[in-house]
PDB file of N, CA and C in Angstrom:
ATOM      1  N   MET A   1       2.226  12.735  -4.427  1.00  0.00           N
ATOM      2  CA  MET A   1       0.955  12.243  -4.903  1.00  0.00           C
ATOM      3  C   MET A   1       0.820  10.818  -4.368  1.00  0.00           C
ATOM      4  N   SER A   2      -0.418  10.447  -4.027  1.00  0.00           N
ATOM      5  CA  SER A   2      -0.664   9.105  -3.466  1.00  0.00           C
ATOM      6  C   SER A   2      -0.668   8.048  -4.607  1.00  0.00           C
ATOM      7  N   PRO A   3      -0.192   6.812  -4.214  1.00  0.00           N
ATOM      8  CA  PRO A   3      -0.272   5.763  -5.239  1.00  0.00           C
ATOM      9  C   PRO A   3      -1.696   5.327  -5.535  1.00  0.00           C
ATOM     10  N   THR A   4      -1.914   4.894  -6.703  1.00  0.00           N
ATOM     11  CA  THR A   4      -3.150   4.430  -7.159  1.00  0.00           C
ATOM     12  C   THR A   4      -3.499   3.051  -6.547  1.00  0.00           C
ATOM     13  N   PRO A   5      -4.788   2.674  -6.537  1.00  0.00           N
ATOM     14  CA  PRO A   5      -5.043   1.331  -6.031  1.00  0.00           C
ATOM     15  C   PRO A   5      -4.316   0.255  -6.771  1.00  0.00           C
ATOM     16  N   LYS A   6      -4.161   0.348  -8.074  1.00  0.00           N
ATOM     17  CA  LYS A   6      -3.425  -0.619  -8.865  1.00  0.00           C
ATOM     18  C   LYS A   6      -1.925  -0.621  -8.471  1.00  0.00           C
ATOM     19  N   GLN A   7      -1.351   0.565  -8.189  1.00  0.00           N
ATOM     20  CA  GLN A   7       0.029   0.571  -7.778  1.00  0.00           C
ATOM     21  C   GLN A   7       0.259  -0.086  -6.401  1.00  0.00           C
ATOM     22  N   LEU A   8      -0.707   0.208  -5.475  1.00  0.00           N
ATOM     23  CA  LEU A   8      -0.675  -0.443  -4.112  1.00  0.00           C
ATOM     24  C   LEU A   8      -0.755  -1.964  -4.265  1.00  0.00           C
ATOM     25  N   THR A   9      -1.648  -2.432  -5.042  1.00  0.00           N
ATOM     26  CA  THR A   9      -1.812  -3.905  -5.257  1.00  0.00           C
ATOM     27  C   THR A   9      -0.617  -4.469  -5.869  1.00  0.00           C
ATOM     28  N   GLN A  10      -0.048  -3.846  -6.841  1.00  0.00           N
ATOM     29  CA  GLN A  10       1.133  -4.428  -7.520  1.00  0.00           C
ATOM     30  C   GLN A  10       2.370  -4.461  -6.552  1.00  0.00           C
ATOM     31  N   ALA A  11       2.458  -3.442  -5.671  1.00  0.00           N
ATOM     32  CA  ALA A  11       3.616  -3.342  -4.676  1.00  0.00           C
ATOM     33  C   ALA A  11       3.417  -4.300  -3.526  1.00  0.00           C
ATOM     34  N   LEU A  12       2.200  -4.495  -3.077  1.00  0.00           N
ATOM     35  CA  LEU A  12       1.999  -5.196  -1.765  1.00  0.00           C
ATOM     36  C   LEU A  12       1.352  -6.506  -1.941  1.00  0.00           C
ATOM     37  N   TYR A  13       1.133  -6.981  -3.096  1.00  0.00           N
ATOM     38  CA  TYR A  13       0.553  -8.324  -3.254  1.00  0.00           C
ATOM     39  C   TYR A  13       1.273  -9.135  -4.242  1.00  0.00           C
ATOM     40  N   GLY A  14       1.332 -10.426  -4.042  1.00  0.00           N
ATOM     41  CA  GLY A  14       1.948 -11.281  -5.062  1.00  0.00           C
ATOM     42  C   GLY A  14       0.897 -12.130  -5.653  1.00  0.00           C
ATOM     43  N   LYS A  15       0.887 -12.349  -6.949  1.00  0.00           N
ATOM     44  CA  LYS A  15      -0.131 -13.128  -7.602  1.00  0.00           C
ATOM     45  C   LYS A  15       0.083 -14.575  -7.428  1.00  0.00           C
ATOM     46  N   LEU A  16      -1.021 -15.277  -7.080  1.00  0.00           N
ATOM     47  CA  LEU A  16      -0.957 -16.725  -6.893  1.00  0.00           C
ATOM     48  C   LEU A  16      -1.550 -17.440  -8.100  1.00  0.00           C
ATOM     49  N   PRO A  17      -1.172 -18.686  -8.403  1.00  0.00           N
ATOM     50  CA  PRO A  17      -1.648 -19.421  -9.619  1.00  0.00           C
ATOM     51  C   PRO A  17      -3.176 -19.539  -9.644  1.00  0.00           C
ATOM     52  N   ASN A  18      -3.845 -19.482  -8.541  1.00  0.00           N
ATOM     53  CA  ASN A  18      -5.296 -19.730  -8.634  1.00  0.00           C
ATOM     54  C   ASN A  18      -6.086 -18.431  -8.800  1.00  0.00           C
ATOM     55  N   GLY A  19      -5.480 -17.338  -9.200  1.00  0.00           N
ATOM     56  CA  GLY A  19      -6.053 -16.093  -9.490  1.00  0.00           C
ATOM     57  C   GLY A  19      -6.327 -15.245  -8.256  1.00  0.00           C
ATOM     58  N   ARG A  20      -5.791 -15.676  -7.142  1.00  0.00           N
ATOM     59  CA  ARG A  20      -5.882 -14.861  -5.976  1.00  0.00           C
ATOM     60  C   ARG A  20      -4.619 -14.040  -5.766  1.00  0.00           C
ATOM     61  N   TYR A  21      -4.534 -13.211  -4.813  1.00  0.00           N
ATOM     62  CA  TYR A  21      -3.374 -12.342  -4.525  1.00  0.00           C
ATOM     63  C   TYR A  21      -3.013 -12.451  -3.077  1.00  0.00           C
ATOM     64  N   LYS A  22      -1.699 -12.657  -2.762  1.00  0.00           N
ATOM     65  CA  LYS A  22      -1.294 -12.809  -1.407  1.00  0.00           C
ATOM     66  C   LYS A  22      -0.707 -11.481  -0.895  1.00  0.00           C
ATOM     67  N   CYS A  23      -1.114 -11.026   0.279  1.00  0.00           N
ATOM     68  CA  CYS A  23      -0.627  -9.809   0.894  1.00  0.00           C
ATOM     69  C   CYS A  23       0.810 -10.144   1.371  1.00  0.00           C
ATOM     70  N   ARG A  24       1.793  -9.265   0.934  1.00  0.00           N
ATOM     71  CA  ARG A  24       3.128  -9.444   1.338  1.00  0.00           C
ATOM     72  C   ARG A  24       3.391  -9.036   2.807  1.00  0.00           C
ATOM     73  N   LEU A  25       2.438  -8.318   3.383  1.00  0.00           N
ATOM     74  CA  LEU A  25       2.584  -7.889   4.752  1.00  0.00           C
ATOM     75  C   LEU A  25       2.134  -8.934   5.807  1.00  0.00           C
ATOM     76  N   CYS A  26       1.138  -9.701   5.440  1.00  0.00           N
ATOM     77  CA  CYS A  26       0.543 -10.652   6.454  1.00  0.00           C
ATOM     78  C   CYS A  26       0.247 -12.058   5.890  1.00  0.00           C
ATOM     79  N   SER A  27       0.470 -12.233   4.607  1.00  0.00           N
ATOM     80  CA  SER A  27       0.210 -13.525   3.841  1.00  0.00           C
ATOM     81  C   SER A  27      -1.260 -13.899   3.703  1.00  0.00           C
ATOM     82  N   LYS A  28      -2.170 -13.038   4.076  1.00  0.00           N
ATOM     83  CA  LYS A  28      -3.622 -13.291   3.739  1.00  0.00           C
ATOM     84  C   LYS A  28      -3.767 -13.238   2.248  1.00  0.00           C
ATOM     85  N   THR A  29      -4.745 -14.013   1.776  1.00  0.00           N
ATOM     86  CA  THR A  29      -5.085 -13.936   0.363  1.00  0.00           C
ATOM     87  C   THR A  29      -6.330 -13.136   0.069  1.00  0.00           C
ATOM     88  N   ARG A  30      -6.419 -12.550  -1.046  1.00  0.00           N
ATOM     89  CA  ARG A  30      -7.568 -11.823  -1.558  1.00  0.00           C
ATOM     90  C   ARG A  30      -7.841 -12.151  -2.970  1.00  0.00           C
ATOM     91  N   LYS A  31      -9.122 -12.025  -3.341  1.00  0.00           N
ATOM     92  CA  LYS A  31      -9.486 -12.294  -4.736  1.00  0.00           C
ATOM     93  C   LYS A  31      -9.913 -10.867  -5.298  1.00  0.00           C
ATOM     94  N   LEU A  32      -9.331 -10.599  -6.434  1.00  0.00           N
ATOM     95  CA  LEU A  32      -9.765  -9.280  -7.103  1.00  0.00           C
ATOM     96  C   LEU A  32     -11.113  -9.541  -7.768  1.00  0.00           C
ATOM     97  N   SER A  33     -11.869  -8.494  -7.892  1.00  0.00           N
ATOM     98  CA  SER A  33     -13.243  -8.581  -8.500  1.00  0.00           C
ATOM     99  C   SER A  33     -13.124  -8.913  -9.884  1.00  0.00           C
ATOM    100  N   SER A  34     -14.148  -9.509 -10.458  1.00  0.00           N
ATOM    101  CA  SER A  34     -14.164  -9.959 -11.868  1.00  0.00           C
ATOM    102  C   SER A  34     -14.073  -8.836 -12.837  1.00  0.00           C
ATOM    103  N   SER A  35     -14.426  -7.612 -12.330  1.00  0.00           N
ATOM    104  CA  SER A  35     -14.340  -6.421 -13.213  1.00  0.00           C
ATOM    105  C   SER A  35     -12.930  -5.852 -13.259  1.00  0.00           C
ATOM    106  N   GLY A  36     -12.014  -6.484 -12.417  1.00  0.00           N
ATOM    107  CA  GLY A  36     -10.652  -5.974 -12.467  1.00  0.00           C
ATOM    108  C   GLY A  36     -10.385  -4.843 -11.511  1.00  0.00           C
ATOM    109  N   GLY A  37     -11.387  -4.621 -10.552  1.00  0.00           N
ATOM    110  CA  GLY A  37     -11.139  -3.524  -9.558  1.00  0.00           C
ATOM    111  C   GLY A  37     -10.220  -3.950  -8.418  1.00  0.00           C
ATOM    112  N   TYR A  38      -9.800  -3.050  -7.656  1.00  0.00           N
ATOM    113  CA  TYR A  38      -8.808  -3.323  -6.598  1.00  0.00           C
ATOM    114  C   TYR A  38      -9.397  -2.977  -5.240  1.00  0.00           C
ATOM    115  N   THR A  39     -10.680  -2.831  -5.138  1.00  0.00           N
ATOM    116  CA  THR A  39     -11.323  -2.392  -3.901  1.00  0.00           C
ATOM    117  C   THR A  39     -11.085  -3.390  -2.737  1.00  0.00           C
ATOM    118  N   ASN A  40     -11.226  -4.656  -2.924  1.00  0.00           N
ATOM    119  CA  ASN A  40     -11.065  -5.692  -1.980  1.00  0.00           C
ATOM    120  C   ASN A  40      -9.640  -5.661  -1.449  1.00  0.00           C
ATOM    121  N   ALA A  41      -8.634  -5.548  -2.320  1.00  0.00           N
ATOM    122  CA  ALA A  41      -7.256  -5.547  -1.874  1.00  0.00           C
ATOM    123  C   ALA A  41      -6.930  -4.245  -1.102  1.00  0.00           C
ATOM    124  N   VAL A  42      -7.384  -3.164  -1.603  1.00  0.00           N
ATOM    125  CA  VAL A  42      -7.064  -1.833  -0.910  1.00  0.00           C
ATOM    126  C   VAL A  42      -7.862  -1.795   0.422  1.00  0.00           C
ATOM    127  N   ASP A  43      -9.059  -2.312   0.460  1.00  0.00           N
ATOM    128  CA  ASP A  43      -9.879  -2.302   1.736  1.00  0.00           C
ATOM    129  C   ASP A  43      -9.042  -3.089   2.801  1.00  0.00           C
ATOM    130  N   HIS A  44      -8.503  -4.274   2.366  1.00  0.00           N
ATOM    131  CA  HIS A  44      -7.692  -5.041   3.335  1.00  0.00           C
ATOM    132  C   HIS A  44      -6.564  -4.258   3.854  1.00  0.00           C
ATOM    133  N   LEU A  45      -5.828  -3.513   3.014  1.00  0.00           N
ATOM    134  CA  LEU A  45      -4.716  -2.669   3.469  1.00  0.00           C
ATOM    135  C   LEU A  45      -5.167  -1.599   4.426  1.00  0.00           C
ATOM    136  N   ARG A  46      -6.303  -1.036   4.143  1.00  0.00           N
ATOM    137  CA  ARG A  46      -6.785   0.085   5.015  1.00  0.00           C
ATOM    138  C   ARG A  46      -7.234  -0.510   6.338  1.00  0.00           C
ATOM    139  N   ARG A  47      -7.915  -1.672   6.360  1.00  0.00           N
ATOM    140  CA  ARG A  47      -8.417  -2.244   7.505  1.00  0.00           C
ATOM    141  C   ARG A  47      -7.329  -2.905   8.382  1.00  0.00           C
ATOM    142  N   ASP A  48      -6.410  -3.596   7.805  1.00  0.00           N
ATOM    143  CA  ASP A  48      -5.462  -4.412   8.517  1.00  0.00           C
ATOM    144  C   ASP A  48      -4.075  -3.807   8.697  1.00  0.00           C
ATOM    145  N   HIS A  49      -3.721  -2.894   7.830  1.00  0.00           N
ATOM    146  CA  HIS A  49      -2.386  -2.383   7.786  1.00  0.00           C
ATOM    147  C   HIS A  49      -2.260  -0.811   7.720  1.00  0.00           C
ATOM    148  N   GLU A  50      -3.289  -0.146   8.144  1.00  0.00           N
ATOM    149  CA  GLU A  50      -3.344   1.306   8.095  1.00  0.00           C
ATOM    150  C   GLU A  50      -2.194   1.964   8.804  1.00  0.00           C
ATOM    151  N   SER A  51      -1.859   1.447  10.005  1.00  0.00           N
ATOM    152  CA  SER A  51      -0.786   2.075  10.749  1.00  0.00           C
ATOM    153  C   SER A  51       0.605   1.712  10.188  1.00  0.00           C
ATOM    154  N   THR A  52       0.632   0.659   9.426  1.00  0.00           N
ATOM    155  CA  THR A  52       1.912   0.127   8.841  1.00  0.00           C
ATOM    156  C   THR A  52       2.292   0.903   7.535  1.00  0.00           C
ATOM    157  N   PHE A  53       1.257   1.108   6.761  1.00  0.00           N
ATOM    158  CA  PHE A  53       1.606   1.592   5.408  1.00  0.00           C
ATOM    159  C   PHE A  53       0.862   2.785   4.949  1.00  0.00           C
ATOM    160  N   LEU A  54      -0.486   2.753   5.077  1.00  0.00           N
ATOM    161  CA  LEU A  54      -1.279   3.872   4.565  1.00  0.00           C
ATOM    162  C   LEU A  54      -1.317   5.115   5.457  1.00  0.00           C
TER     163      LEU A  54
END
């Protein structure tokens, strides 16, 4: 079974003090949506790391 967006974010991002999340694969930062969704973080993984992880 594929990991959920939340599981991907928890595994591949570290939380920063300013509310942003840092990708553990490339050190780019992303902000999660105010609704608590993970689309921005998962889109980054698909766009920049598809061959590495997804």
